[in-house]
Structures are given as C-alpha cells and as structure tokens.
Amino acid sequence: MTHQEALELIRTLLKAPNDEALMKEINLNLPRIDGTFFAVLHRSAEQLRREGKPHIADALQRLGDVILRMRTLI
C-alpha cells in the first residue's frame, strides 16, 4: 500500500456512517492493510494532536486499535 492509498483508505473508513458500514469496509480492505497503513495512521494522529484536534486523533487511534484486533484474529 502506498502512502496515498493509506490516506484514501483512512478517509473512507472515517466517513463510514455507522459501525456496521465501518466493519464492512474494514473487512473488504483488511488484506491490503499493512505496515504503511499503520504508519500513516499513526503519523496522521500525531499531526492532528499537534494541530490541537485531539478528538480526530483519538478517532484514528480507535480505528487503528479495531483494525489491529481484527488482523490478529485472522
């Protein structure tokens, strides 16, 4: 996964209207999610915290936690 693909996927996941839609998107993209995705997610959360947007940074962190749990179950 490229940096740009990771950003696009993060945006897609954050736009999910509900938990069911989010889980569906995660399941569809789980095989593509790799170290680059998690690195971009982490850097984005750090940047948002520096910009004074902790609520969005927290949402990214929760998203990463959910995906990581799902990856370890497979």
N, C-alpha and C. Protein backbone atom coordinates (compact mmCIF):
# COMPACT_ATOMS: atom_id res chain seq x y z
N MET A 1 0.85 -1.17 0.00
CA MET A 1 0.00 0.00 0.00
C MET A 1 0.90 1.24 0.00
N THR A 2 0.55 2.19 -0.83
CA THR A 2 1.31 3.44 -0.87
C THR A 2 0.78 4.40 0.21
N HIS A 3 1.55 5.45 0.44
CA HIS A 3 1.14 6.47 1.39
C HIS A 3 -0.21 7.07 0.99
N GLN A 4 -0.37 7.38 -0.29
CA GLN A 4 -1.62 7.97 -0.77
C GLN A 4 -2.79 7.01 -0.63
N GLU A 5 -2.57 5.73 -0.94
CA GLU A 5 -3.63 4.73 -0.77
C GLU A 5 -4.05 4.62 0.69
N ALA A 6 -3.07 4.68 1.58
CA ALA A 6 -3.38 4.62 3.01
C ALA A 6 -4.23 5.81 3.43
N LEU A 7 -3.87 7.00 2.97
CA LEU A 7 -4.66 8.20 3.31
C LEU A 7 -6.09 8.08 2.78
N GLU A 8 -6.23 7.60 1.57
CA GLU A 8 -7.56 7.45 0.98
C GLU A 8 -8.39 6.44 1.77
N LEU A 9 -7.77 5.34 2.16
CA LEU A 9 -8.50 4.33 2.93
C LEU A 9 -8.89 4.87 4.30
N ILE A 10 -8.00 5.61 4.94
CA ILE A 10 -8.32 6.21 6.24
C ILE A 10 -9.52 7.14 6.10
N ARG A 11 -9.52 7.96 5.07
CA ARG A 11 -10.66 8.87 4.84
C ARG A 11 -11.95 8.08 4.63
N THR A 12 -11.86 7.02 3.84
CA THR A 12 -13.04 6.19 3.58
C THR A 12 -13.58 5.60 4.88
N LEU A 13 -12.69 5.08 5.70
CA LEU A 13 -13.11 4.46 6.95
C LEU A 13 -13.72 5.48 7.91
N LEU A 14 -13.14 6.67 7.95
CA LEU A 14 -13.67 7.71 8.84
C LEU A 14 -15.04 8.21 8.40
N LYS A 15 -15.35 8.07 7.13
CA LYS A 15 -16.63 8.53 6.60
C LYS A 15 -17.75 7.50 6.76
N ALA A 16 -17.42 6.33 7.27
CA ALA A 16 -18.45 5.29 7.44
C ALA A 16 -19.58 5.84 8.31
N PRO A 17 -20.83 5.69 7.86
CA PRO A 17 -21.95 6.29 8.58
C PRO A 17 -22.30 5.61 9.91
N ASN A 18 -21.87 4.35 10.06
CA ASN A 18 -22.17 3.63 11.30
C ASN A 18 -21.17 2.50 11.48
N ASP A 19 -21.24 1.82 12.62
CA ASP A 19 -20.29 0.75 12.92
C ASP A 19 -20.39 -0.41 11.94
N GLU A 20 -21.61 -0.72 11.51
CA GLU A 20 -21.80 -1.82 10.57
C GLU A 20 -21.09 -1.53 9.24
N ALA A 21 -21.26 -0.32 8.74
CA ALA A 21 -20.61 0.07 7.49
C ALA A 21 -19.09 0.10 7.65
N LEU A 22 -18.63 0.55 8.82
CA LEU A 22 -17.20 0.58 9.09
C LEU A 22 -16.62 -0.83 9.07
N MET A 23 -17.27 -1.76 9.75
CA MET A 23 -16.78 -3.14 9.77
C MET A 23 -16.77 -3.75 8.37
N LYS A 24 -17.77 -3.43 7.58
CA LYS A 24 -17.82 -3.93 6.21
C LYS A 24 -16.62 -3.41 5.41
N GLU A 25 -16.33 -2.11 5.52
CA GLU A 25 -15.20 -1.52 4.82
C GLU A 25 -13.88 -2.12 5.30
N ILE A 26 -13.75 -2.29 6.60
CA ILE A 26 -12.52 -2.88 7.14
C ILE A 26 -12.34 -4.29 6.59
N ASN A 27 -13.40 -5.09 6.63
CA ASN A 27 -13.31 -6.47 6.14
C ASN A 27 -12.95 -6.52 4.66
N LEU A 28 -13.50 -5.60 3.87
CA LEU A 28 -13.19 -5.56 2.44
C LEU A 28 -11.73 -5.21 2.19
N ASN A 29 -11.16 -4.37 3.04
CA ASN A 29 -9.81 -3.86 2.82
C ASN A 29 -8.75 -4.51 3.70
N LEU A 30 -9.14 -5.39 4.59
CA LEU A 30 -8.19 -5.99 5.53
C LEU A 30 -6.96 -6.61 4.85
N PRO A 31 -7.12 -7.31 3.74
CA PRO A 31 -5.92 -7.88 3.10
C PRO A 31 -4.91 -6.83 2.62
N ARG A 32 -5.37 -5.62 2.35
CA ARG A 32 -4.50 -4.54 1.86
C ARG A 32 -3.81 -3.79 2.98
N ILE A 33 -4.37 -3.86 4.18
CA ILE A 33 -3.86 -3.07 5.30
C ILE A 33 -2.53 -3.66 5.76
N ASP A 34 -1.50 -2.79 5.71
CA ASP A 34 -0.15 -3.25 6.03
C ASP A 34 0.56 -2.25 6.93
N GLY A 35 1.84 -2.43 7.06
CA GLY A 35 2.63 -1.55 7.91
C GLY A 35 2.57 -0.09 7.46
N THR A 36 2.54 0.14 6.16
CA THR A 36 2.44 1.50 5.65
C THR A 36 1.15 2.15 6.14
N PHE A 37 0.05 1.42 6.07
CA PHE A 37 -1.23 1.95 6.55
C PHE A 37 -1.13 2.38 8.00
N PHE A 38 -0.58 1.49 8.85
CA PHE A 38 -0.49 1.81 10.27
C PHE A 38 0.48 2.97 10.53
N ALA A 39 1.56 3.07 9.75
CA ALA A 39 2.49 4.18 9.89
C ALA A 39 1.82 5.50 9.54
N VAL A 40 1.07 5.52 8.44
CA VAL A 40 0.36 6.73 8.02
C VAL A 40 -0.70 7.10 9.06
N LEU A 41 -1.40 6.10 9.56
CA LEU A 41 -2.43 6.33 10.58
C LEU A 41 -1.81 6.97 11.82
N HIS A 42 -0.68 6.42 12.26
CA HIS A 42 0.00 6.92 13.45
C HIS A 42 0.50 8.35 13.24
N ARG A 43 1.15 8.60 12.10
CA ARG A 43 1.66 9.94 11.81
C ARG A 43 0.53 10.96 11.71
N SER A 44 -0.58 10.54 11.12
CA SER A 44 -1.73 11.43 10.99
C SER A 44 -2.28 11.79 12.37
N ALA A 45 -2.38 10.82 13.24
CA ALA A 45 -2.88 11.07 14.60
C ALA A 45 -1.95 12.03 15.34
N GLU A 46 -0.65 11.82 15.21
CA GLU A 46 0.32 12.71 15.86
C GLU A 46 0.18 14.14 15.34
N GLN A 47 0.04 14.29 14.02
CA GLN A 47 -0.10 15.61 13.42
C GLN A 47 -1.37 16.30 13.92
N LEU A 48 -2.46 15.56 13.99
CA LEU A 48 -3.72 16.13 14.46
C LEU A 48 -3.61 16.59 15.92
N ARG A 49 -2.88 15.84 16.73
CA ARG A 49 -2.68 16.26 18.12
C ARG A 49 -1.89 17.57 18.18
N ARG A 50 -0.86 17.68 17.34
CA ARG A 50 -0.07 18.92 17.29
C ARG A 50 -0.92 20.10 16.83
N GLU A 51 -1.90 19.82 15.98
CA GLU A 51 -2.77 20.88 15.46
C GLU A 51 -3.93 21.20 16.41
N GLY A 52 -3.95 20.54 17.56
CA GLY A 52 -5.00 20.81 18.53
C GLY A 52 -6.33 20.16 18.19
N LYS A 53 -6.29 19.02 17.54
CA LYS A 53 -7.52 18.29 17.17
C LYS A 53 -7.50 16.89 17.78
N PRO A 54 -7.49 16.83 19.11
CA PRO A 54 -7.36 15.53 19.77
C PRO A 54 -8.53 14.59 19.52
N HIS A 55 -9.73 15.12 19.30
CA HIS A 55 -10.89 14.25 19.09
C HIS A 55 -10.74 13.45 17.79
N ILE A 56 -10.19 14.07 16.76
CA ILE A 56 -9.97 13.34 15.50
C ILE A 56 -8.81 12.36 15.66
N ALA A 57 -7.77 12.80 16.36
CA ALA A 57 -6.62 11.92 16.62
C ALA A 57 -7.06 10.68 17.40
N ASP A 58 -7.93 10.88 18.38
CA ASP A 58 -8.44 9.75 19.17
C ASP A 58 -9.25 8.80 18.29
N ALA A 59 -10.03 9.37 17.37
CA ALA A 59 -10.81 8.53 16.46
C ALA A 59 -9.89 7.68 15.59
N LEU A 60 -8.79 8.27 15.12
CA LEU A 60 -7.82 7.50 14.33
C LEU A 60 -7.20 6.39 15.16
N GLN A 61 -6.87 6.71 16.39
CA GLN A 61 -6.26 5.70 17.26
C GLN A 61 -7.24 4.54 17.52
N ARG A 62 -8.50 4.87 17.77
CA ARG A 62 -9.50 3.81 17.98
C ARG A 62 -9.66 2.97 16.72
N LEU A 63 -9.65 3.62 15.57
CA LEU A 63 -9.75 2.91 14.30
C LEU A 63 -8.58 1.93 14.16
N GLY A 64 -7.38 2.40 14.43
CA GLY A 64 -6.21 1.53 14.36
C GLY A 64 -6.31 0.35 15.31
N ASP A 65 -6.81 0.60 16.52
CA ASP A 65 -6.96 -0.48 17.51
C ASP A 65 -7.94 -1.55 17.02
N VAL A 66 -9.06 -1.10 16.44
CA VAL A 66 -10.06 -2.04 15.92
C VAL A 66 -9.46 -2.89 14.80
N ILE A 67 -8.76 -2.25 13.88
CA ILE A 67 -8.17 -2.97 12.75
C ILE A 67 -7.11 -3.95 13.23
N LEU A 68 -6.29 -3.50 14.16
CA LEU A 68 -5.24 -4.38 14.68
C LEU A 68 -5.84 -5.62 15.35
N ARG A 69 -6.91 -5.42 16.12
CA ARG A 69 -7.57 -6.58 16.75
C ARG A 69 -8.11 -7.53 15.67
N MET A 70 -8.69 -6.96 14.62
CA MET A 70 -9.25 -7.80 13.56
C MET A 70 -8.14 -8.57 12.84
N ARG A 71 -7.01 -7.92 12.60
CA ARG A 71 -5.89 -8.58 11.91
C ARG A 71 -5.33 -9.73 12.73
N THR A 72 -5.30 -9.56 14.03
CA THR A 72 -4.72 -10.61 14.88
C THR A 72 -5.68 -11.79 15.05
N LEU A 73 -6.96 -11.58 14.74
CA LEU A 73 -7.92 -12.69 14.82
C LEU A 73 -7.87 -13.57 13.59
N ILE A 74 -7.29 -13.07 12.51
CA ILE A 74 -7.28 -13.83 11.25
C ILE A 74 -6.04 -14.69 11.18
